[in-house]
Amino acid sequence: GGYQAASRDFKDNDLDVDCTGRQYMITGANSGIGKCIATEIAKRGGTVHMVCRNATTAAEAKKEVISATKNENIFVHILDMSRPRSVHQFASTFSQNNESLHVLVNNAGCMVNTRELTEDELEKNFATNSLGTHILTRSLLPLLKRSEKPRVIIVTSGGMLVQKLNVDDLQFEKLKPFDGTMAYAQNKRQQVVMTQKYAKTYPEVHFSCMHPGWADTPAVRSSMPEFYNKMKDKLRTASEGADTAVWLAISSSALEHPTGLFFQDRSPAATHLPLAWTKVCNNTEEQLMTKLDDLANKFSD
């Protein structure tokens, strides 16, 4: 009932926005929250770039979005966010072929419950959730900066509240036994720190991250089956989970808040629990960004 309670305070006209002529990129847009974000923006006339890993499900999702919105300006791009060289190449090609990008929604993510390494010897959760997000965001910044009132949103998770930033084990080599839920939560903590650091470094762009709440999505069903079975009657819909991301992407009210904040239900929220042990010093946060930059540069050839 959290969404119903919070939504009573929403401004009714915040989403009455004409998105015509603006370019929106949403990663992981083939299902769940990502597809809902794409649909809501397409309803309002925005040009939507759906960045998806699976060509088959992406094509189906595109048809569904066009059918639901009657907006033909929907484009699919196939990309595996866990492959850093591919992310670099995609961002470069997209920037060459497009004159603007107004909003980037980093929604793609994974929760792999066994420790898997990619072909680049990167742990898959980290490669997708943190490094892939960092490379895509950093690489598209020049294009974003050329656009009017650019925004970047990262779909993170309140699960990060149980994690203290750990820059000494980004690949989870010391996490024994491996716990995919904790690895995911650590990645989400990293994303919150990334958002804050981007905001300070790139003031021309409005950055934010958000917790969608616990929503009934294909990702939750597949990655957290026990949690889903216990909570399925209490979960939000995917549309309710997507609401704050849509609000951050299109509303003028979102821009009234400072850049770099963490949101839940259209309101800024604390990034640490009261009396939490999860806070770290600025130097540790800077180490994360340096390590992400180093890895991004390593795979830029």
Foldseek 3Di string as FASTA:
>chain_A
DVLVVLCVPDDPCQLVFQQAPAEEEFEPCLWFLNVLLQLSSVLNHHQYEYEYADPVSNVVSLVVSCVNRVRPNYHYHHDDLLQLQRLLVVLVVVVVVDQAHAEYEAEDFAQDFQQDADPVRAGRRLSRLPLSVVLNCVSNVVRNLSDPAHEYEYEAALLLQVAAADLPCLRCPVVVVGGSSVNRSNSRVLVLLVQQVCCVVPVSYAYEYEHLFFEDIPRCCVNPVVVCVVCVVPHHHSNSSNVLVSSCRTGPVVVVDRGSFYDYSVHGDDSYDVVGPRDDDPVSSVSSVVVSVVVSVVSND
